[in-house]
Amino acid sequence: MALSILLEPVLGIALAVLMNEHFRGKGLARQAVLFPWALPTARNALMWRWMYNTDRGLFNALALQTGLVARPVNWLGDDVLAMLLRVVVSVWKTSSFMALIILAGLQAIPGSCTRPGGWTA
């Protein structure tokens, strides 16, 4: 829990700062960032369970094809690894919502306050 609470706002701030910049495809990038949060939690759980599956999971297939491992890894079979992977899923889902909230705050700051010398007392 502590690791999730630490990582979610950090990643959320990083994503919000990136989404606040002006670049081509900004709308598409915002949609991609909000995708994890917009998916229903049950759908997320099923998707991640499939990716972590020992026999037919995406992560094992990629690791085996690239030669990173010689045999399939039981991702959820080890207590410590399973807990770390739960943190990954939590951070993936929640940091996008944090980014949305922080982005709204960033956009509420007047443009004159973000330029050097823009702050007045």
PDB file of N, CA and C in Angstrom:
ATOM      1  N   MET A   1       0.820  -1.177   0.000  1.00  0.00           N
ATOM      2  CA  MET A   1       0.000   0.000   0.000  1.00  0.00           C
ATOM      3  C   MET A   1       0.877   1.259   0.000  1.00  0.00           C
ATOM      4  N   ALA A   2       1.905   1.253   0.819  1.00  0.00           N
ATOM      5  CA  ALA A   2       2.777   2.430   0.900  1.00  0.00           C
ATOM      6  C   ALA A   2       3.446   2.698  -0.448  1.00  0.00           C
ATOM      7  N   LEU A   3       3.862   1.645  -1.114  1.00  0.00           N
ATOM      8  CA  LEU A   3       4.508   1.810  -2.415  1.00  0.00           C
ATOM      9  C   LEU A   3       3.529   2.382  -3.439  1.00  0.00           C
ATOM     10  N   SER A   4       2.299   1.904  -3.431  1.00  0.00           N
ATOM     11  CA  SER A   4       1.279   2.438  -4.345  1.00  0.00           C
ATOM     12  C   SER A   4       1.011   3.905  -4.066  1.00  0.00           C
ATOM     13  N   ILE A   5       0.854   4.237  -2.801  1.00  0.00           N
ATOM     14  CA  ILE A   5       0.555   5.618  -2.418  1.00  0.00           C
ATOM     15  C   ILE A   5       1.701   6.548  -2.800  1.00  0.00           C
ATOM     16  N   LEU A   6       2.906   6.034  -2.780  1.00  0.00           N
ATOM     17  CA  LEU A   6       4.062   6.835  -3.169  1.00  0.00           C
ATOM     18  C   LEU A   6       4.170   7.000  -4.681  1.00  0.00           C
ATOM     19  N   LEU A   7       3.958   5.924  -5.419  1.00  0.00           N
ATOM     20  CA  LEU A   7       4.175   5.947  -6.869  1.00  0.00           C
ATOM     21  C   LEU A   7       3.039   6.606  -7.653  1.00  0.00           C
ATOM     22  N   GLU A   8       1.810   6.448  -7.200  1.00  0.00           N
ATOM     23  CA  GLU A   8       0.674   6.971  -7.963  1.00  0.00           C
ATOM     24  C   GLU A   8       0.727   8.483  -8.162  1.00  0.00           C
ATOM     25  N   PRO A   9       0.943   9.286  -7.110  1.00  0.00           N
ATOM     26  CA  PRO A   9       1.021  10.738  -7.357  1.00  0.00           C
ATOM     27  C   PRO A   9       2.259  11.141  -8.147  1.00  0.00           C
ATOM     28  N   VAL A  10       3.361  10.447  -7.962  1.00  0.00           N
ATOM     29  CA  VAL A  10       4.578  10.784  -8.702  1.00  0.00           C
ATOM     30  C   VAL A  10       4.362  10.568 -10.193  1.00  0.00           C
ATOM     31  N   LEU A  11       3.819   9.421 -10.555  1.00  0.00           N
ATOM     32  CA  LEU A  11       3.534   9.151 -11.963  1.00  0.00           C
ATOM     33  C   LEU A  11       2.426  10.065 -12.474  1.00  0.00           C
ATOM     34  N   GLY A  12       1.438  10.348 -11.618  1.00  0.00           N
ATOM     35  CA  GLY A  12       0.358  11.256 -11.995  1.00  0.00           C
ATOM     36  C   GLY A  12       0.863  12.656 -12.303  1.00  0.00           C
ATOM     37  N   ILE A  13       1.777  13.149 -11.491  1.00  0.00           N
ATOM     38  CA  ILE A  13       2.365  14.478 -11.732  1.00  0.00           C
ATOM     39  C   ILE A  13       3.150  14.474 -13.036  1.00  0.00           C
ATOM     40  N   ALA A  14       3.944  13.424 -13.243  1.00  0.00           N
ATOM     41  CA  ALA A  14       4.734  13.344 -14.478  1.00  0.00           C
ATOM     42  C   ALA A  14       3.832  13.320 -15.709  1.00  0.00           C
ATOM     43  N   LEU A  15       2.772  12.534 -15.664  1.00  0.00           N
ATOM     44  CA  LEU A  15       1.848  12.465 -16.799  1.00  0.00           C
ATOM     45  C   LEU A  15       1.118  13.793 -16.999  1.00  0.00           C
ATOM     46  N   ALA A  16       0.711  14.436 -15.906  1.00  0.00           N
ATOM     47  CA  ALA A  16       0.002  15.710 -16.007  1.00  0.00           C
ATOM     48  C   ALA A  16       0.889  16.789 -16.615  1.00  0.00           C
ATOM     49  N   VAL A  17       2.134  16.828 -16.205  1.00  0.00           N
ATOM     50  CA  VAL A  17       3.062  17.827 -16.755  1.00  0.00           C
ATOM     51  C   VAL A  17       3.271  17.578 -18.245  1.00  0.00           C
ATOM     52  N   LEU A  18       3.408  16.322 -18.639  1.00  0.00           N
ATOM     53  CA  LEU A  18       3.558  16.002 -20.059  1.00  0.00           C
ATOM     54  C   LEU A  18       2.304  16.366 -20.851  1.00  0.00           C
ATOM     55  N   MET A  19       1.127  16.065 -20.287  1.00  0.00           N
ATOM     56  CA  MET A  19      -0.117  16.370 -21.000  1.00  0.00           C
ATOM     57  C   MET A  19      -0.416  17.862 -21.034  1.00  0.00           C
ATOM     58  N   ASN A  20       0.216  18.633 -20.179  1.00  0.00           N
ATOM     59  CA  ASN A  20      -0.001  20.076 -20.148  1.00  0.00           C
ATOM     60  C   ASN A  20       0.823  20.795 -21.218  1.00  0.00           C
ATOM     61  N   GLU A  21       1.813  20.119 -21.773  1.00  0.00           N
ATOM     62  CA  GLU A  21       2.640  20.706 -22.820  1.00  0.00           C
ATOM     63  C   GLU A  21       1.871  20.757 -24.139  1.00  0.00           C
ATOM     64  N   HIS A  22       2.321  21.604 -25.033  1.00  0.00           N
ATOM     65  CA  HIS A  22       1.715  21.705 -26.356  1.00  0.00           C
ATOM     66  C   HIS A  22       2.510  20.852 -27.334  1.00  0.00           C
ATOM     67  N   PHE A  23       1.846  19.860 -27.915  1.00  0.00           N
ATOM     68  CA  PHE A  23       2.484  19.003 -28.911  1.00  0.00           C
ATOM     69  C   PHE A  23       1.408  18.407 -29.810  1.00  0.00           C
ATOM     70  N   ARG A  24       1.850  17.916 -30.935  1.00  0.00           N
ATOM     71  CA  ARG A  24       0.933  17.312 -31.901  1.00  0.00           C
ATOM     72  C   ARG A  24       0.412  15.984 -31.329  1.00  0.00           C
ATOM     73  N   GLY A  25      -0.884  15.748 -31.440  1.00  0.00           N
ATOM     74  CA  GLY A  25      -1.473  14.525 -30.919  1.00  0.00           C
ATOM     75  C   GLY A  25      -1.787  14.595 -29.433  1.00  0.00           C
ATOM     76  N   LYS A  26      -1.898  15.791 -28.906  1.00  0.00           N
ATOM     77  CA  LYS A  26      -2.133  15.988 -27.475  1.00  0.00           C
ATOM     78  C   LYS A  26      -3.440  15.327 -27.029  1.00  0.00           C
ATOM     79  N   GLY A  27      -4.501  15.463 -27.825  1.00  0.00           N
ATOM     80  CA  GLY A  27      -5.785  14.862 -27.481  1.00  0.00           C
ATOM     81  C   GLY A  27      -5.718  13.346 -27.423  1.00  0.00           C
ATOM     82  N   LEU A  28      -5.015  12.758 -28.384  1.00  0.00           N
ATOM     83  CA  LEU A  28      -4.855  11.314 -28.408  1.00  0.00           C
ATOM     84  C   LEU A  28      -4.043  10.830 -27.201  1.00  0.00           C
ATOM     85  N   ALA A  29      -3.017  11.581 -26.847  1.00  0.00           N
ATOM     86  CA  ALA A  29      -2.199  11.229 -25.685  1.00  0.00           C
ATOM     87  C   ALA A  29      -3.031  11.284 -24.403  1.00  0.00           C
ATOM     88  N   ARG A  30      -3.893  12.272 -24.288  1.00  0.00           N
ATOM     89  CA  ARG A  30      -4.754  12.388 -23.100  1.00  0.00           C
ATOM     90  C   ARG A  30      -5.717  11.211 -23.023  1.00  0.00           C
ATOM     91  N   GLN A  31      -6.264  10.813 -24.168  1.00  0.00           N
ATOM     92  CA  GLN A  31      -7.165   9.662 -24.172  1.00  0.00           C
ATOM     93  C   GLN A  31      -6.425   8.388 -23.763  1.00  0.00           C
ATOM     94  N   ALA A  32      -5.214   8.226 -24.250  1.00  0.00           N
ATOM     95  CA  ALA A  32      -4.429   7.034 -23.917  1.00  0.00           C
ATOM     96  C   ALA A  32      -4.100   6.986 -22.427  1.00  0.00           C
ATOM     97  N   VAL A  33      -3.817   8.141 -21.844  1.00  0.00           N
ATOM     98  CA  VAL A  33      -3.498   8.187 -20.421  1.00  0.00           C
ATOM     99  C   VAL A  33      -4.726   7.870 -19.581  1.00  0.00           C
ATOM    100  N   LEU A  34      -5.898   8.320 -20.011  1.00  0.00           N
ATOM    101  CA  LEU A  34      -7.118   8.090 -19.234  1.00  0.00           C
ATOM    102  C   LEU A  34      -7.726   6.711 -19.455  1.00  0.00           C
ATOM    103  N   PHE A  35      -7.249   5.990 -20.432  1.00  0.00           N
ATOM    104  CA  PHE A  35      -7.780   4.669 -20.753  1.00  0.00           C
ATOM    105  C   PHE A  35      -7.805   3.722 -19.550  1.00  0.00           C
ATOM    106  N   PRO A  36      -6.716   3.571 -18.792  1.00  0.00           N
ATOM    107  CA  PRO A  36      -6.753   2.634 -17.659  1.00  0.00           C
ATOM    108  C   PRO A  36      -7.811   2.992 -16.618  1.00  0.00           C
ATOM    109  N   TRP A  37      -8.002   4.261 -16.381  1.00  0.00           N
ATOM    110  CA  TRP A  37      -8.981   4.690 -15.379  1.00  0.00           C
ATOM    111  C   TRP A  37     -10.404   4.500 -15.889  1.00  0.00           C
ATOM    112  N   ALA A  38     -10.619   4.659 -17.178  1.00  0.00           N
ATOM    113  CA  ALA A  38     -11.959   4.562 -17.745  1.00  0.00           C
ATOM    114  C   ALA A  38     -12.465   3.121 -17.819  1.00  0.00           C
ATOM    115  N   LEU A  39     -11.558   2.161 -17.868  1.00  0.00           N
ATOM    116  CA  LEU A  39     -11.977   0.755 -17.917  1.00  0.00           C
ATOM    117  C   LEU A  39     -12.586   0.337 -16.584  1.00  0.00           C
ATOM    118  N   PRO A  40     -13.641  -0.453 -16.617  1.00  0.00           N
ATOM    119  CA  PRO A  40     -14.206  -0.952 -15.359  1.00  0.00           C
ATOM    120  C   PRO A  40     -13.186  -1.807 -14.602  1.00  0.00           C
ATOM    121  N   THR A  41     -13.244  -1.765 -13.294  1.00  0.00           N
ATOM    122  CA  THR A  41     -12.274  -2.480 -12.463  1.00  0.00           C
ATOM    123  C   THR A  41     -12.299  -3.984 -12.726  1.00  0.00           C
ATOM    124  N   ALA A  42     -13.479  -4.548 -12.901  1.00  0.00           N
ATOM    125  CA  ALA A  42     -13.571  -5.988 -13.176  1.00  0.00           C
ATOM    126  C   ALA A  42     -12.881  -6.346 -14.492  1.00  0.00           C
ATOM    127  N   ARG A  43     -13.041  -5.497 -15.504  1.00  0.00           N
ATOM    128  CA  ARG A  43     -12.385  -5.733 -16.792  1.00  0.00           C
ATOM    129  C   ARG A  43     -10.865  -5.643 -16.623  1.00  0.00           C
ATOM    130  N   ASN A  44     -10.406  -4.665 -15.854  1.00  0.00           N
ATOM    131  CA  ASN A  44      -8.974  -4.546 -15.577  1.00  0.00           C
ATOM    132  C   ASN A  44      -8.435  -5.800 -14.901  1.00  0.00           C
ATOM    133  N   ALA A  45      -9.158  -6.292 -13.910  1.00  0.00           N
ATOM    134  CA  ALA A  45      -8.710  -7.479 -13.182  1.00  0.00           C
ATOM    135  C   ALA A  45      -8.589  -8.680 -14.110  1.00  0.00           C
ATOM    136  N   LEU A  46      -9.572  -8.871 -14.973  1.00  0.00           N
ATOM    137  CA  LEU A  46      -9.512 -10.000 -15.917  1.00  0.00           C
ATOM    138  C   LEU A  46      -8.373  -9.837 -16.912  1.00  0.00           C
ATOM    139  N   MET A  47      -8.170  -8.615 -17.382  1.00  0.00           N
ATOM    140  CA  MET A  47      -7.101  -8.363 -18.342  1.00  0.00           C
ATOM    141  C   MET A  47      -5.721  -8.654 -17.728  1.00  0.00           C
ATOM    142  N   TRP A  48      -5.482  -8.162 -16.526  1.00  0.00           N
ATOM    143  CA  TRP A  48      -4.191  -8.380 -15.880  1.00  0.00           C
ATOM    144  C   TRP A  48      -4.006  -9.847 -15.499  1.00  0.00           C
ATOM    145  N   ARG A  49      -5.091 -10.516 -15.088  1.00  0.00           N
ATOM    146  CA  ARG A  49      -4.985 -11.941 -14.757  1.00  0.00           C
ATOM    147  C   ARG A  49      -4.559 -12.734 -15.988  1.00  0.00           C
ATOM    148  N   TRP A  50      -5.106 -12.375 -17.159  1.00  0.00           N
ATOM    149  CA  TRP A  50      -4.699 -13.058 -18.389  1.00  0.00           C
ATOM    150  C   TRP A  50      -3.231 -12.764 -18.708  1.00  0.00           C
ATOM    151  N   MET A  51      -2.811 -11.515 -18.550  1.00  0.00           N
ATOM    152  CA  MET A  51      -1.419 -11.178 -18.887  1.00  0.00           C
ATOM    153  C   MET A  51      -0.430 -11.884 -17.967  1.00  0.00           C
ATOM    154  N   TYR A  52      -0.817 -12.097 -16.705  1.00  0.00           N
ATOM    155  CA  TYR A  52       0.056 -12.779 -15.739  1.00  0.00           C
ATOM    156  C   TYR A  52      -0.099 -14.297 -15.765  1.00  0.00           C
ATOM    157  N   ASN A  53      -0.978 -14.850 -16.576  1.00  0.00           N
ATOM    158  CA  ASN A  53      -1.243 -16.283 -16.617  1.00  0.00           C
ATOM    159  C   ASN A  53       0.046 -17.042 -16.924  1.00  0.00           C
ATOM    160  N   THR A  54       0.274 -18.107 -16.168  1.00  0.00           N
ATOM    161  CA  THR A  54       1.503 -18.890 -16.326  1.00  0.00           C
ATOM    162  C   THR A  54       1.552 -19.618 -17.664  1.00  0.00           C
ATOM    163  N   ASP A  55       0.433 -20.166 -18.101  1.00  0.00           N
ATOM    164  CA  ASP A  55       0.425 -20.989 -19.313  1.00  0.00           C
ATOM    165  C   ASP A  55       0.214 -20.198 -20.602  1.00  0.00           C
ATOM    166  N   ARG A  56      -0.719 -19.263 -20.596  1.00  0.00           N
ATOM    167  CA  ARG A  56      -1.079 -18.552 -21.830  1.00  0.00           C
ATOM    168  C   ARG A  56      -0.986 -17.032 -21.693  1.00  0.00           C
ATOM    169  N   GLY A  57      -0.255 -16.555 -20.721  1.00  0.00           N
ATOM    170  CA  GLY A  57      -0.192 -15.123 -20.472  1.00  0.00           C
ATOM    171  C   GLY A  57       0.714 -14.370 -21.428  1.00  0.00           C
ATOM    172  N   LEU A  58       0.398 -13.114 -21.600  1.00  0.00           N
ATOM    173  CA  LEU A  58       1.165 -12.252 -22.495  1.00  0.00           C
ATOM    174  C   LEU A  58       2.612 -12.085 -22.029  1.00  0.00           C
ATOM    175  N   PHE A  59       2.793 -11.855 -20.732  1.00  0.00           N
ATOM    176  CA  PHE A  59       4.154 -11.605 -20.233  1.00  0.00           C
ATOM    177  C   PHE A  59       5.053 -12.829 -20.380  1.00  0.00           C
ATOM    178  N   ASN A  60       4.519 -14.013 -20.129  1.00  0.00           N
ATOM    179  CA  ASN A  60       5.313 -15.223 -20.327  1.00  0.00           C
ATOM    180  C   ASN A  60       5.616 -15.455 -21.802  1.00  0.00           C
ATOM    181  N   ALA A  61       4.644 -15.198 -22.658  1.00  0.00           N
ATOM    182  CA  ALA A  61       4.870 -15.383 -24.093  1.00  0.00           C
ATOM    183  C   ALA A  61       5.987 -14.460 -24.580  1.00  0.00           C
ATOM    184  N   LEU A  62       5.942 -13.204 -24.169  1.00  0.00           N
ATOM    185  CA  LEU A  62       6.994 -12.257 -24.576  1.00  0.00           C
ATOM    186  C   LEU A  62       8.350 -12.633 -23.990  1.00  0.00           C
ATOM    187  N   ALA A  63       8.361 -13.014 -22.717  1.00  0.00           N
ATOM    188  CA  ALA A  63       9.628 -13.371 -22.068  1.00  0.00           C
ATOM    189  C   ALA A  63      10.239 -14.621 -22.693  1.00  0.00           C
ATOM    190  N   LEU A  64       9.413 -15.584 -23.046  1.00  0.00           N
ATOM    191  CA  LEU A  64       9.917 -16.805 -23.681  1.00  0.00           C
ATOM    192  C   LEU A  64      10.410 -16.533 -25.100  1.00  0.00           C
ATOM    193  N   GLN A  65       9.675 -15.740 -25.865  1.00  0.00           N
ATOM    194  CA  GLN A  65      10.061 -15.438 -27.244  1.00  0.00           C
ATOM    195  C   GLN A  65      11.336 -14.622 -27.328  1.00  0.00           C
ATOM    196  N   THR A  66      11.540 -13.731 -26.391  1.00  0.00           N
ATOM    197  CA  THR A  66      12.745 -12.901 -26.412  1.00  0.00           C
ATOM    198  C   THR A  66      13.928 -13.571 -25.727  1.00  0.00           C
ATOM    199  N   GLY A  67      13.687 -14.711 -25.097  1.00  0.00           N
ATOM    200  CA  GLY A  67      14.778 -15.438 -24.452  1.00  0.00           C
ATOM    201  C   GLY A  67      15.133 -14.927 -23.069  1.00  0.00           C
ATOM    202  N   LEU A  68      14.275 -14.115 -22.472  1.00  0.00           N
ATOM    203  CA  LEU A  68      14.549 -13.613 -21.122  1.00  0.00           C
ATOM    204  C   LEU A  68      14.434 -14.708 -20.070  1.00  0.00           C
ATOM    205  N   VAL A  69      13.564 -15.680 -20.322  1.00  0.00           N
ATOM    206  CA  VAL A  69      13.408 -16.815 -19.411  1.00  0.00           C
ATOM    207  C   VAL A  69      13.411 -18.104 -20.225  1.00  0.00           C
ATOM    208  N   ALA A  70      13.808 -19.210 -19.578  1.00  0.00           N
ATOM    209  CA  ALA A  70      13.852 -20.497 -20.256  1.00  0.00           C
ATOM    210  C   ALA A  70      12.532 -21.257 -20.120  1.00  0.00           C
ATOM    211  N   ARG A  71      11.810 -21.000 -19.028  1.00  0.00           N
ATOM    212  CA  ARG A  71      10.517 -21.650 -18.812  1.00  0.00           C
ATOM    213  C   ARG A  71       9.540 -20.634 -18.249  1.00  0.00           C
ATOM    214  N   PRO A  72       8.242 -20.880 -18.372  1.00  0.00           N
ATOM    215  CA  PRO A  72       7.243 -19.913 -17.912  1.00  0.00           C
ATOM    216  C   PRO A  72       7.391 -19.574 -16.428  1.00  0.00           C
ATOM    217  N   VAL A  73       7.102 -18.319 -16.108  1.00  0.00           N
ATOM    218  CA  VAL A  73       7.179 -17.836 -14.733  1.00  0.00           C
ATOM    219  C   VAL A  73       5.783 -17.859 -14.132  1.00  0.00           C
ATOM    220  N   ASN A  74       5.661 -18.356 -12.910  1.00  0.00           N
ATOM    221  CA  ASN A  74       4.391 -18.322 -12.192  1.00  0.00           C
ATOM    222  C   ASN A  74       4.312 -16.985 -11.456  1.00  0.00           C
ATOM    223  N   TRP A  75       3.848 -15.957 -12.158  1.00  0.00           N
ATOM    224  CA  TRP A  75       3.868 -14.589 -11.654  1.00  0.00           C
ATOM    225  C   TRP A  75       3.126 -14.441 -10.335  1.00  0.00           C
ATOM    226  N   LEU A  76       1.983 -15.073 -10.223  1.00  0.00           N
ATOM    227  CA  LEU A  76       1.158 -14.894  -9.035  1.00  0.00           C
ATOM    228  C   LEU A  76       1.359 -16.010  -8.009  1.00  0.00           C
ATOM    229  N   GLY A  77       2.294 -16.911  -8.258  1.00  0.00           N
ATOM    230  CA  GLY A  77       2.556 -18.015  -7.344  1.00  0.00           C
ATOM    231  C   GLY A  77       3.460 -17.645  -6.185  1.00  0.00           C
ATOM    232  N   ASP A  78       4.274 -16.633  -6.338  1.00  0.00           N
ATOM    233  CA  ASP A  78       5.169 -16.174  -5.285  1.00  0.00           C
ATOM    234  C   ASP A  78       4.525 -14.993  -4.565  1.00  0.00           C
ATOM    235  N   ASP A  79       4.481 -15.032  -3.249  1.00  0.00           N
ATOM    236  CA  ASP A  79       3.805 -13.985  -2.476  1.00  0.00           C
ATOM    237  C   ASP A  79       4.381 -12.601  -2.709  1.00  0.00           C
ATOM    238  N   VAL A  80       5.695 -12.492  -2.677  1.00  0.00           N
ATOM    239  CA  VAL A  80       6.334 -11.178  -2.837  1.00  0.00           C
ATOM    240  C   VAL A  80       6.130 -10.647  -4.252  1.00  0.00           C
ATOM    241  N   LEU A  81       6.345 -11.496  -5.243  1.00  0.00           N
ATOM    242  CA  LEU A  81       6.155 -11.077  -6.632  1.00  0.00           C
ATOM    243  C   LEU A  81       4.694 -10.712  -6.898  1.00  0.00           C
ATOM    244  N   ALA A  82       3.767 -11.491  -6.365  1.00  0.00           N
ATOM    245  CA  ALA A  82       2.342 -11.198  -6.548  1.00  0.00           C
ATOM    246  C   ALA A  82       1.983  -9.842  -5.936  1.00  0.00           C
ATOM    247  N   MET A  83       2.541  -9.535  -4.776  1.00  0.00           N
ATOM    248  CA  MET A  83       2.257  -8.241  -4.142  1.00  0.00           C
ATOM    249  C   MET A  83       2.827  -7.096  -4.980  1.00  0.00           C
ATOM    250  N   LEU A  84       4.033  -7.252  -5.492  1.00  0.00           N
ATOM    251  CA  LEU A  84       4.616  -6.215  -6.347  1.00  0.00           C
ATOM    252  C   LEU A  84       3.803  -6.022  -7.625  1.00  0.00           C
ATOM    253  N   LEU A  85       3.298  -7.103  -8.180  1.00  0.00           N
ATOM    254  CA  LEU A  85       2.489  -6.998  -9.387  1.00  0.00           C
ATOM    255  C   LEU A  85       1.140  -6.348  -9.104  1.00  0.00           C
ATOM    256  N   ARG A  86       0.615  -6.534  -7.909  1.00  0.00           N
ATOM    257  CA  ARG A  86      -0.606  -5.825  -7.512  1.00  0.00           C
ATOM    258  C   ARG A  86      -0.350  -4.330  -7.431  1.00  0.00           C
ATOM    259  N   VAL A  87       0.823  -3.972  -6.963  1.00  0.00           N
ATOM    260  CA  VAL A  87       1.197  -2.546  -6.912  1.00  0.00           C
ATOM    261  C   VAL A  87       1.253  -1.991  -8.332  1.00  0.00           C
ATOM    262  N   VAL A  88       1.833  -2.743  -9.254  1.00  0.00           N
ATOM    263  CA  VAL A  88       1.911  -2.308 -10.656  1.00  0.00           C
ATOM    264  C   VAL A  88       0.517  -2.053 -11.212  1.00  0.00           C
ATOM    265  N   VAL A  89      -0.404  -2.977 -10.969  1.00  0.00           N
ATOM    266  CA  VAL A  89      -1.770  -2.827 -11.475  1.00  0.00           C
ATOM    267  C   VAL A  89      -2.438  -1.615 -10.840  1.00  0.00           C
ATOM    268  N   SER A  90      -2.267  -1.438  -9.553  1.00  0.00           N
ATOM    269  CA  SER A  90      -2.875  -0.301  -8.858  1.00  0.00           C
ATOM    270  C   SER A  90      -2.330   1.022  -9.372  1.00  0.00           C
ATOM    271  N   VAL A  91      -1.025   1.098  -9.543  1.00  0.00           N
ATOM    272  CA  VAL A  91      -0.402   2.322 -10.047  1.00  0.00           C
ATOM    273  C   VAL A  91      -0.859   2.583 -11.481  1.00  0.00           C
ATOM    274  N   TRP A  92      -0.933   1.541 -12.292  1.00  0.00           N
ATOM    275  CA  TRP A  92      -1.373   1.699 -13.683  1.00  0.00           C
ATOM    276  C   TRP A  92      -2.778   2.265 -13.746  1.00  0.00           C
ATOM    277  N   LYS A  93      -3.669   1.777 -12.887  1.00  0.00           N
ATOM    278  CA  LYS A  93      -5.066   2.217 -12.929  1.00  0.00           C
ATOM    279  C   LYS A  93      -5.260   3.596 -12.309  1.00  0.00           C
ATOM    280  N   THR A  94      -4.631   3.863 -11.180  1.00  0.00           N
ATOM    281  CA  THR A  94      -4.927   5.071 -10.417  1.00  0.00           C
ATOM    282  C   THR A  94      -4.114   6.286 -10.845  1.00  0.00           C
ATOM    283  N   SER A  95      -2.911   6.088 -11.341  1.00  0.00           N
ATOM    284  CA  SER A  95      -2.084   7.243 -11.708  1.00  0.00           C
ATOM    285  C   SER A  95      -2.706   8.057 -12.839  1.00  0.00           C
ATOM    286  N   SER A  96      -3.483   7.412 -13.692  1.00  0.00           N
ATOM    287  CA  SER A  96      -4.132   8.163 -14.765  1.00  0.00           C
ATOM    288  C   SER A  96      -5.197   9.104 -14.204  1.00  0.00           C
ATOM    289  N   PHE A  97      -5.917   8.672 -13.175  1.00  0.00           N
ATOM    290  CA  PHE A  97      -6.894   9.548 -12.533  1.00  0.00           C
ATOM    291  C   PHE A  97      -6.190  10.686 -11.807  1.00  0.00           C
ATOM    292  N   MET A  98      -5.082  10.362 -11.144  1.00  0.00           N
ATOM    293  CA  MET A  98      -4.287  11.407 -10.479  1.00  0.00           C
ATOM    294  C   MET A  98      -3.811  12.428 -11.506  1.00  0.00           C
ATOM    295  N   ALA A  99      -3.395  11.948 -12.666  1.00  0.00           N
ATOM    296  CA  ALA A  99      -2.934  12.846 -13.721  1.00  0.00           C
ATOM    297  C   ALA A  99      -4.055  13.777 -14.160  1.00  0.00           C
ATOM    298  N   LEU A 100      -5.263  13.263 -14.269  1.00  0.00           N
ATOM    299  CA  LEU A 100      -6.406  14.081 -14.664  1.00  0.00           C
ATOM    300  C   LEU A 100      -6.666  15.199 -13.650  1.00  0.00           C
ATOM    301  N   ILE A 101      -6.645  14.865 -12.391  1.00  0.00           N
ATOM    302  CA  ILE A 101      -6.884  15.859 -11.341  1.00  0.00           C
ATOM    303  C   ILE A 101      -5.765  16.893 -11.316  1.00  0.00           C
ATOM    304  N   ILE A 102      -4.529  16.445 -11.404  1.00  0.00           N
ATOM    305  CA  ILE A 102      -3.384  17.368 -11.367  1.00  0.00           C
ATOM    306  C   ILE A 102      -3.360  18.233 -12.621  1.00  0.00           C
ATOM    307  N   LEU A 103      -3.710  17.665 -13.771  1.00  0.00           N
ATOM    308  CA  LEU A 103      -3.772  18.440 -15.007  1.00  0.00           C
ATOM    309  C   LEU A 103      -4.809  19.548 -14.896  1.00  0.00           C
ATOM    310  N   ALA A 104      -5.952  19.255 -14.291  1.00  0.00           N
ATOM    311  CA  ALA A 104      -6.975  20.289 -14.092  1.00  0.00           C
ATOM    312  C   ALA A 104      -6.421  21.414 -13.225  1.00  0.00           C
ATOM    313  N   GLY A 105      -5.666  21.065 -12.204  1.00  0.00           N
ATOM    314  CA  GLY A 105      -5.038  22.079 -11.357  1.00  0.00           C
ATOM    315  C   GLY A 105      -4.009  22.895 -12.115  1.00  0.00           C
ATOM    316  N   LEU A 106      -3.200  22.234 -12.938  1.00  0.00           N
ATOM    317  CA  LEU A 106      -2.193  22.947 -13.727  1.00  0.00           C
ATOM    318  C   LEU A 106      -2.832  23.916 -14.706  1.00  0.00           C
ATOM    319  N   GLN A 107      -3.944  23.516 -15.302  1.00  0.00           N
ATOM    320  CA  GLN A 107      -4.595  24.373 -16.278  1.00  0.00           C
ATOM    321  C   GLN A 107      -5.360  25.516 -15.629  1.00  0.00           C
ATOM    322  N   ALA A 108      -5.592  25.427 -14.331  1.00  0.00           N
ATOM    323  CA  ALA A 108      -6.259  26.513 -13.612  1.00  0.00           C
ATOM    324  C   ALA A 108      -5.290  27.631 -13.251  1.00  0.00           C
ATOM    325  N   ILE A 109      -3.986  27.374 -13.376  1.00  0.00           N
ATOM    326  CA  ILE A 109      -2.988  28.398 -13.085  1.00  0.00           C
ATOM    327  C   ILE A 109      -2.948  29.371 -14.256  1.00  0.00           C
ATOM    328  N   PRO A 110      -3.111  30.666 -13.997  1.00  0.00           N
ATOM    329  CA  PRO A 110      -3.058  31.634 -15.099  1.00  0.00           C
ATOM    330  C   PRO A 110      -1.708  31.587 -15.806  1.00  0.00           C
ATOM    331  N   GLY A 111      -1.724  31.839 -17.105  1.00  0.00           N
ATOM    332  CA  GLY A 111      -0.502  31.802 -17.905  1.00  0.00           C
ATOM    333  C   GLY A 111       0.555  32.766 -17.419  1.00  0.00           C
ATOM    334  N   SER A 112       0.158  33.904 -16.855  1.00  0.00           N
ATOM    335  CA  SER A 112       1.142  34.876 -16.387  1.00  0.00           C
ATOM    336  C   SER A 112       1.927  34.354 -15.193  1.00  0.00           C
ATOM    337  N   CYS A 113       1.367  33.397 -14.468  1.00  0.00           N
ATOM    338  CA  CYS A 113       2.056  32.856 -13.291  1.00  0.00           C
ATOM    339  C   CYS A 113       3.125  31.824 -13.671  1.00  0.00           C
ATOM    340  N   THR A 114       3.046  31.320 -14.878  1.00  0.00           N
ATOM    341  CA  THR A 114       3.999  30.284 -15.273  1.00  0.00           C
ATOM    342  C   THR A 114       5.210  30.831 -16.001  1.00  0.00           C
ATOM    343  N   ARG A 115       5.175  32.099 -16.352  1.00  0.00           N
ATOM    344  CA  ARG A 115       6.316  32.717 -17.028  1.00  0.00           C
ATOM    345  C   ARG A 115       7.268  33.290 -15.992  1.00  0.00           C
ATOM    346  N   PRO A 116       8.559  33.332 -16.291  1.00  0.00           N
ATOM    347  CA  PRO A 116       9.511  33.944 -15.360  1.00  0.00           C
ATOM    348  C   PRO A 116       9.125  35.380 -15.063  1.00  0.00           C
ATOM    349  N   GLY A 117       9.124  35.726 -13.812  1.00  0.00           N
ATOM    350  CA  GLY A 117       8.771  37.081 -13.409  1.00  0.00           C
ATOM    351  C   GLY A 117       7.278  37.337 -13.396  1.00  0.00           C
ATOM    352  N   GLY A 118       6.470  36.272 -13.580  1.00  0.00           N
ATOM    353  CA  GLY A 118       5.027  36.425 -13.661  1.00  0.00           C
ATOM    354  C   GLY A 118       4.353  36.535 -12.300  1.00  0.00           C
ATOM    355  N   TRP A 119       5.025  36.087 -11.264  1.00  0.00           N
ATOM    356  CA  TRP A 119       4.426  36.142  -9.928  1.00  0.00           C
ATOM    357  C   TRP A 119       4.549  37.548  -9.369  1.00  0.00           C
ATOM    358  N   THR A 120       3.465  38.034  -8.838  1.00  0.00           N
ATOM    359  CA  THR A 120       3.503  39.347  -8.190  1.00  0.00           C
ATOM    360  C   THR A 120       2.966  39.195  -6.772  1.00  0.00           C
ATOM    361  N   ALA A 121       3.549  39.949  -5.886  1.00  0.00           N
ATOM    362  CA  ALA A 121       3.121  39.879  -4.480  1.00  0.00           C
ATOM    363  C   ALA A 121       2.103  40.945  -4.168  1.00  0.00           C
TER     364      ALA A 121
END
